[in-house]
Protein backbone atom coordinates (compact mmCIF):
# COMPACT_ATOMS: atom_id res chain seq x y z
CA MET A 1 -14.70 11.21 15.76
CA ASN A 2 -13.55 8.88 13.04
CA VAL A 3 -16.12 6.11 12.65
CA THR A 4 -13.54 3.49 11.62
CA ARG A 5 -11.02 2.63 14.21
CA ARG A 6 -8.00 1.05 12.50
CA LEU A 7 -6.13 -1.68 14.16
CA PHE A 8 -3.79 -2.66 11.29
CA ALA A 9 -4.74 -3.11 7.71
CA PRO A 10 -1.96 -4.62 5.60
CA LYS A 11 -3.08 -5.40 2.10
CA PRO A 12 -2.06 -9.02 1.29
CA GLY A 13 -2.32 -10.28 -2.18
CA PHE A 14 -0.31 -11.42 -5.13
CA MET A 15 0.26 -10.33 -8.75
CA GLU A 16 2.40 -11.75 -11.32
CA GLY A 17 3.85 -9.17 -13.78
CA PRO A 18 7.21 -7.83 -15.00
CA ALA A 19 8.40 -4.39 -13.71
CA THR A 20 11.45 -2.29 -14.13
CA ARG A 21 12.79 -2.56 -10.54
CA PHE A 22 11.47 -3.91 -7.29
CA GLY A 23 13.81 -1.92 -5.15
CA GLY A 24 11.77 1.35 -5.50
CA ARG A 25 8.48 0.37 -3.82
CA ARG A 26 5.73 2.77 -2.85
CA ARG A 27 5.25 3.65 0.83
CA ARG A 28 1.75 2.15 1.15
CA VAL A 29 1.62 -1.56 1.71
CA ARG A 30 1.24 -3.21 -1.70
CA ALA A 31 0.50 -6.57 -2.94
CA ALA A 32 3.37 -8.73 -3.96
CA LEU A 33 4.49 -8.72 -7.51
CA PHE A 34 5.86 -11.38 -9.83
CA LEU A 35 8.87 -9.51 -11.28
CA ILE A 36 10.95 -10.81 -13.97
CA ALA A 37 14.10 -10.04 -15.75
CA ILE A 38 15.31 -11.50 -19.11
CA ALA A 39 18.74 -12.98 -18.70
CA SER A 40 21.18 -12.95 -21.58
CA THR A 41 21.35 -16.60 -22.93
CA GLY A 42 22.88 -16.02 -26.44
CA THR A 43 19.69 -17.42 -27.91
CA ALA A 44 17.17 -14.85 -26.59
CA SER A 45 15.84 -11.94 -28.65
CA ALA A 46 17.86 -8.88 -29.30
CA ASN A 47 16.24 -6.44 -26.85
CA ASP A 48 16.69 -8.86 -23.91
CA SER A 49 18.77 -7.42 -20.99
CA ALA A 50 20.72 -8.87 -18.15
CA ALA A 51 19.48 -9.55 -14.68
CA TYR A 52 21.85 -8.97 -11.75
CA PHE A 53 21.98 -8.27 -8.03
CA GLY A 54 22.91 -4.59 -7.67
CA ALA A 55 23.64 -2.63 -4.53
CA GLY A 56 19.81 -2.01 -4.11
CA GLY A 57 18.75 -5.60 -4.77
CA LEU A 58 17.51 -7.29 -7.91
CA GLU A 59 17.08 -5.23 -10.98
CA PHE A 60 14.54 -5.98 -13.60
CA THR A 61 13.21 -5.10 -17.13
CA ALA A 62 9.89 -5.85 -18.88
CA THR A 63 9.60 -8.63 -21.51
CA ASP A 64 8.13 -8.80 -24.93
CA ALA A 65 8.93 -12.44 -25.28
CA VAL A 66 6.23 -13.95 -22.87
CA THR A 67 2.56 -13.55 -22.84
CA MET A 68 0.10 -14.26 -20.00
CA GLU A 69 -2.51 -16.47 -21.72
CA ARG A 70 -4.56 -17.06 -18.46
CA GLU A 71 -4.68 -16.11 -14.95
CA ASP A 72 -6.93 -17.92 -12.32
CA LEU A 73 -6.96 -16.08 -8.97
CA ARG A 74 -8.68 -17.36 -5.84
CA VAL A 75 -8.85 -15.01 -2.94
CA SER A 76 -10.01 -15.46 0.61
CA GLN A 77 -9.02 -14.26 4.07
CA GLU A 78 -7.29 -17.48 4.72
CA LEU A 79 -5.55 -18.36 1.47
CA ILE A 80 -4.22 -16.77 -1.82
CA GLU A 81 -4.05 -19.14 -4.74
CA VAL A 82 -3.14 -18.10 -8.24
CA GLU A 83 -2.19 -19.95 -11.36
CA TYR A 84 -0.75 -18.44 -14.55
CA ARG A 85 -0.31 -19.96 -18.07
CA PHE A 86 2.53 -18.23 -19.85
CA ARG A 87 3.72 -18.77 -23.48
CA ASN A 88 7.08 -17.97 -24.90
CA VAL A 89 6.09 -16.48 -28.21
CA THR A 90 9.66 -16.39 -29.59
CA ALA A 91 11.58 -19.21 -31.47
CA ASP A 92 14.31 -19.27 -28.81
CA PRO A 93 14.48 -20.33 -25.15
CA VAL A 94 14.22 -17.33 -22.68
CA GLU A 95 15.65 -17.36 -19.19
CA LEU A 96 14.19 -15.11 -16.59
CA ARG A 97 14.86 -14.45 -12.81
CA ALA A 98 11.38 -14.63 -11.20
CA ALA A 99 11.03 -12.73 -8.01
CA PHE A 100 8.06 -12.82 -5.62
CA PRO A 101 8.05 -9.94 -3.09
CA LEU A 102 5.50 -10.15 -0.32
CA PRO A 103 3.72 -7.15 0.89
CA ARG A 104 5.88 -5.01 3.13
CA LEU A 105 5.17 -5.97 6.74
CA ASP A 106 5.06 -3.15 9.33
CA MET A 107 7.09 -4.62 12.23
CA LYS A 108 5.83 -1.92 14.53
CA LYS A 109 2.34 -3.42 14.05
CA VAL A 110 3.70 -6.98 14.48
CA PHE A 111 5.22 -6.33 17.83
CA GLY A 112 2.99 -3.49 18.85
CA CYS A 113 -0.57 -2.88 19.97
CA SER A 114 -2.24 -3.69 16.66
CA ASP A 115 -4.29 -6.72 15.70
CA VAL A 116 -2.33 -8.44 13.02
CA SER A 117 -2.16 -12.09 12.28
CA ILE A 118 1.13 -13.77 11.39
CA PRO A 119 0.21 -17.23 10.06
CA PHE A 120 3.44 -18.87 11.13
CA ARG A 121 4.92 -16.63 13.59
CA GLY A 122 8.58 -17.12 14.39
CA LYS A 123 9.29 -19.04 11.20
CA PRO A 124 11.39 -17.43 8.25
CA ASP A 125 8.57 -18.35 5.93
CA PHE A 126 5.86 -16.79 7.99
CA VAL A 127 3.12 -16.99 5.32
CA GLY A 128 3.89 -20.62 4.14
CA PHE A 129 4.70 -19.46 0.57
CA GLU A 130 4.68 -22.39 -1.96
CA THR A 131 5.44 -22.40 -5.70
CA ARG A 132 4.96 -25.06 -8.34
CA VAL A 133 6.11 -24.93 -11.99
CA ASP A 134 4.40 -27.27 -14.29
CA GLY A 135 3.06 -29.07 -11.29
CA ARG A 136 6.42 -29.60 -9.65
CA PRO A 137 7.35 -27.88 -6.34
CA VAL A 138 10.45 -25.68 -6.75
CA GLN A 139 12.93 -24.26 -4.28
CA LEU A 140 13.06 -20.55 -3.95
CA GLU A 141 15.75 -18.28 -2.62
CA ARG A 142 14.87 -15.49 -0.20
CA GLN A 143 15.95 -11.82 0.05
CA GLU A 144 15.16 -9.90 3.21
CA ARG A 145 15.39 -6.20 3.50
CA ALA A 146 14.20 -3.53 6.04
CA PHE A 147 12.99 -0.04 5.21
CA VAL A 148 12.30 3.17 7.05
CA GLY A 149 10.27 4.91 4.46
CA GLU A 150 12.00 4.20 1.29
CA ARG A 151 15.49 4.01 3.01
CA ASP A 152 17.16 0.71 3.20
CA ILE A 153 18.52 0.15 6.67
CA SER A 154 19.28 -3.49 6.26
CA PRO A 155 23.15 -2.91 6.33
CA LEU A 156 22.75 -1.21 9.70
CA LEU A 157 20.62 -3.97 11.19
CA ARG A 158 23.00 -6.71 9.89
CA ASP A 159 25.98 -4.75 11.29
CA LEU A 160 24.27 -4.95 14.67
CA LYS A 161 23.53 -8.59 14.20
CA LEU A 162 19.84 -8.18 14.60
CA PRO A 163 17.39 -10.93 13.27
CA PHE A 164 15.44 -8.11 11.68
CA ALA A 165 13.32 -10.40 9.57
CA SER A 166 12.09 -12.48 12.50
CA THR A 167 8.46 -12.43 13.66
CA GLY A 168 9.36 -14.28 16.82
CA ASP A 169 10.56 -13.40 20.33
CA ASP A 170 14.18 -13.44 19.38
CA LEU A 171 13.88 -9.92 17.80
CA PRO A 172 12.64 -8.07 20.86
CA ALA A 173 15.15 -10.02 22.99
CA ALA A 174 18.02 -9.09 20.72
CA LEU A 175 16.95 -5.26 20.77
CA LYS A 176 17.00 -5.45 24.59
CA ARG A 177 20.59 -6.76 24.56
CA LEU A 178 22.02 -3.90 22.60
CA SER A 179 24.43 -1.51 23.98
CA PRO A 180 23.31 2.17 24.62
CA SER A 181 25.49 3.28 21.66
CA SER A 182 23.81 0.72 19.32
CA ARG A 183 20.34 1.74 20.52
CA GLU A 184 21.20 5.30 19.68
CA ARG A 185 22.49 4.29 16.19
CA LEU A 186 18.88 2.83 15.63
CA ARG A 187 17.07 5.80 17.04
CA GLN A 188 19.05 8.15 14.73
CA ALA A 189 17.91 5.93 11.84
CA GLY A 190 14.36 5.93 12.94
CA ALA A 191 14.51 2.18 13.23
CA VAL A 192 13.07 1.87 16.71
CA THR A 193 10.05 3.29 18.65
CA GLU A 194 9.05 2.99 22.16
CA ASP A 195 6.55 0.25 22.61
CA SER A 196 3.88 1.29 24.99
CA CYS A 197 2.05 -1.96 24.74
CA THR A 198 4.51 -3.94 26.64
CA ASP A 199 7.21 -2.54 28.95
CA GLY A 200 8.13 0.65 27.07
CA SER A 201 11.27 -0.67 25.70
CA ASP A 202 12.29 0.00 22.05
CA GLY A 203 10.43 -1.89 19.42
CA PRO A 204 11.18 -2.27 15.75
CA ALA A 205 9.88 0.49 13.57
CA TRP A 206 10.95 -0.71 10.11
CA ASN A 207 8.96 -2.32 7.21
CA LEU A 208 10.15 -5.84 6.38
CA GLU A 209 10.36 -6.84 2.67
CA VAL A 210 10.74 -10.50 1.86
CA VAL A 211 11.35 -11.56 -1.78
CA TYR A 212 11.32 -15.10 -3.03
CA HIS A 213 13.12 -15.59 -6.26
CA ARG A 214 14.52 -18.24 -8.69
CA PRO A 215 15.68 -18.58 -12.24
CA GLN A 216 13.03 -19.52 -14.68
CA ARG A 217 13.37 -21.00 -18.25
CA PHE A 218 10.71 -20.55 -20.88
CA GLU A 219 11.17 -23.01 -23.82
CA ALA A 220 10.68 -21.69 -27.24
CA LYS A 221 6.88 -21.59 -28.32
CA ALA A 222 6.09 -23.59 -25.04
CA ILE A 223 3.48 -23.00 -22.30
CA LYS A 224 4.68 -22.73 -18.75
CA ARG A 225 2.35 -23.13 -15.82
CA VAL A 226 3.23 -21.31 -12.56
CA GLN A 227 1.19 -21.70 -9.32
CA HIS A 228 1.57 -19.86 -6.01
CA ARG A 229 -0.26 -20.32 -2.78
CA TYR A 230 0.31 -18.73 0.64
CA THR A 231 -1.57 -17.62 3.79
CA PRO A 232 -1.85 -13.85 3.94
CA SER A 233 -1.01 -11.84 7.02
CA VAL A 234 -4.40 -10.23 7.65
CA GLY A 235 -5.07 -7.07 9.66
CA ALA A 236 -8.41 -5.45 10.66
CA PHE A 237 -10.27 -2.30 11.51
CA PHE A 238 -13.48 -1.57 13.36
CA LEU A 239 -16.43 -0.28 11.34
CA THR A 240 -19.43 1.52 12.80
CA PRO A 241 -22.53 0.59 10.68
CA SER A 242 -24.68 3.33 12.52
CA ALA A 243 -22.44 6.16 11.30
CA LYS A 244 -23.92 8.97 9.21
CA LEU A 245 -23.31 8.26 5.58
CA THR A 246 -22.63 10.40 2.52
CA GLY A 247 -21.99 9.77 -1.16
CA PRO A 248 -23.90 8.10 -4.08
CA SER A 249 -26.02 4.94 -3.39
CA ASP A 250 -23.30 2.58 -4.80
CA ARG A 251 -20.46 4.12 -2.97
CA ARG A 252 -21.69 5.18 0.55
CA VAL A 253 -19.16 6.16 3.11
CA PRO A 254 -19.07 7.55 6.58
CA GLU A 255 -18.74 11.31 6.61
CA PHE A 256 -15.36 11.19 8.53
CA ASP A 257 -13.88 8.19 6.59
CA THR A 258 -14.26 8.84 2.77
CA ASP A 259 -11.35 6.44 2.26
CA LEU A 260 -13.94 3.64 2.38
CA ALA A 261 -15.07 4.70 -1.09
CA ARG A 262 -12.33 2.36 -2.49
CA TYR A 263 -14.66 -0.60 -1.63
CA CYS A 264 -17.86 0.59 -3.21
CA ILE A 265 -20.08 -0.23 -0.17
CA ASP A 266 -23.58 0.28 -1.45
CA GLU A 267 -26.74 1.21 0.56
CA GLY A 268 -27.90 -2.47 0.65
CA THR A 269 -24.60 -3.57 2.23
CA TRP A 270 -24.69 -0.94 4.88
CA ARG A 271 -28.36 -2.12 5.81
CA ALA A 272 -27.01 -5.66 6.04
CA LEU A 273 -24.09 -4.35 8.27
CA ARG A 274 -26.68 -2.71 10.65
CA ARG A 275 -28.49 -5.89 10.93
CA MET A 276 -25.44 -8.04 11.44
CA ASN A 277 -24.57 -6.89 14.90
CA GLY A 278 -27.51 -4.68 15.92
CA GLY A 279 -25.76 -1.60 14.66
CA ARG A 280 -22.75 -2.05 16.85
CA GLU A 281 -19.16 -2.16 15.65
CA VAL A 282 -17.97 -4.92 13.31
CA VAL A 283 -14.56 -6.05 12.25
CA ALA A 284 -13.68 -5.35 8.48
CA ARG A 285 -10.69 -7.06 6.84
CA PRO A 286 -9.33 -5.39 3.64
CA LEU A 287 -7.39 -7.15 1.03
CA GLU A 288 -5.53 -5.69 -1.99
CA TYR A 289 -4.29 -7.40 -5.06
CA ILE A 290 -2.18 -5.54 -7.63
CA LEU A 291 -3.47 -6.04 -11.14
CA ARG A 292 -1.82 -3.41 -13.07
CA THR A 293 1.56 -5.00 -13.24
CA ALA A 294 0.02 -7.53 -15.75
CA ARG A 295 0.17 -4.67 -18.33
CA SER A 296 3.82 -5.12 -18.63
CA TRP A 297 3.59 -8.56 -20.15
CA ARG A 298 3.34 -8.81 -23.92
CA GLY A 299 -0.22 -8.05 -24.76
CA PRO A 300 -3.24 -8.41 -22.41
CA ILE A 301 -4.14 -11.25 -20.18
CA GLY A 302 -5.91 -13.66 -22.59
CA GLU A 303 -8.30 -14.88 -20.04
CA PHE A 304 -8.66 -13.69 -16.32
CA VAL A 305 -10.81 -15.49 -13.83
CA LEU A 306 -11.15 -14.18 -10.26
CA VAL A 307 -12.99 -16.25 -7.64
CA ILE A 308 -13.74 -14.62 -4.25
CA ASP A 309 -14.66 -16.78 -1.23
CA LYS A 310 -16.13 -14.86 1.64
CA GLY A 311 -15.77 -17.81 4.03
CA SER A 312 -19.27 -17.81 5.72
CA ALA A 313 -22.71 -17.56 4.11
CA ASP A 314 -23.43 -14.80 6.70
CA ALA A 315 -20.38 -12.79 5.85
CA LEU A 316 -20.45 -9.70 3.66
CA VAL A 317 -17.90 -8.73 0.92
CA SER A 318 -17.62 -5.51 -1.12
CA LEU A 319 -15.41 -4.43 -4.05
CA CYS A 320 -15.46 -2.08 -6.93
CA THR A 321 -15.93 -4.04 -10.23
CA THR A 322 -18.51 -5.10 -12.58
CA GLY A 323 -19.79 -8.59 -13.84
CA VAL A 324 -19.77 -10.20 -10.56
CA ARG A 325 -21.67 -13.43 -10.52
CA LYS A 326 -22.59 -15.46 -7.49
CA THR A 327 -21.55 -19.15 -7.90
CA GLY A 328 -22.24 -20.69 -4.59
CA PRO A 329 -23.22 -19.90 -0.89
CA THR A 330 -19.84 -18.06 -0.32
CA SER A 331 -18.33 -17.72 -3.67
CA PHE A 332 -18.34 -15.05 -6.40
CA GLU A 333 -16.72 -15.00 -9.84
CA VAL A 334 -15.57 -12.39 -12.18
CA ARG A 335 -14.32 -13.21 -15.75
CA ARG A 336 -12.60 -11.03 -18.33
CA ARG A 337 -11.11 -11.65 -21.76
CA ASP A 338 -8.24 -9.82 -23.33
CA TYR A 339 -7.90 -7.92 -19.98
CA ARG A 340 -5.68 -4.87 -19.57
CA PRO A 341 -6.19 -4.04 -15.88
CA ASP A 342 -6.08 -0.25 -15.27
CA VAL A 343 -6.97 -0.47 -11.54
CA ASP A 344 -5.97 -2.74 -8.66
CA LEU A 345 -8.28 -5.02 -6.90
CA GLU A 346 -9.39 -4.05 -3.32
CA ILE A 347 -11.80 -6.24 -1.43
CA LEU A 348 -13.40 -5.75 2.04
CA PHE A 349 -14.43 -8.80 3.82
CA ILE A 350 -16.72 -8.40 6.80
CA PRO A 351 -17.23 -11.65 8.79
CA PRO A 352 -20.15 -12.06 11.11
CA PRO A 353 -19.35 -11.43 14.78
CA GLY A 354 -17.40 -14.37 16.33
CA ASN A 355 -15.78 -15.48 13.17
């Protein structure tokens, strides 16, 4: 028997970094990326390329014109806040289209049996995403797409006039109103599944991808500060502290769930887990933040500061990194200079029972 009973574990998070294309995303839920594409302005450097909306969505290229001088990232279960300080190192203005994809959301989990929180359920902006540039709030456009695996089924859902990006009651109601022939089209596409948690009717089986995007101008030789904040959609799984463990002392895992090695739970943390709830099951909440995309900017991150807030002094938190310094009853800090991340950030929060 597996000692971890997974309810739903999306990996919320946010990373800002250029990439070649956001359309071809990996199957596992990933943290959101800040993707850019250098737009041709006539004054930009010679190797700039155009940004456009292709058949598969926004297309992007990397940049060698903008550096990330500093990143300040603050992570908790309730809020993601990040501030970037960029500099255009060229003698000409550079215009980019900045895109902010959220982690793909498994709609089967949203409307099914799983324990997943939607911060602002039923609203188009269900995570309350906010962006400021140089201290001023900015308006963002939205792009919404639905995937089964890596296949974009958005055209089919739009053709059936389904509110496929909704986290409210209007989506299940719209599915119930479909004709038998329309339901069959969805079944053939793998877009619906029988929902055994409610009345057994068809429920959504696609992954929702929401992208916030806007044009961005970087003046020549100038600094640009970009801030984002949002409430992540957090899932959970049950963890049994009394399970038989294996592995080295700094990376102990249950015998039947070696996947937990990604969080580097050491022997001392397992002892604290056993004390937390008398050895009974506790709820663990994973969070992932993609760091490696920052390698696509020009040069390393000049200064990187990570602050983790575990929320409660009695809570536990575990991650694989070095140089962690406790800065308060609930806060920890990691600092790096000239940082080229080669792994992503994965954090496991374990709040005390009742939190």
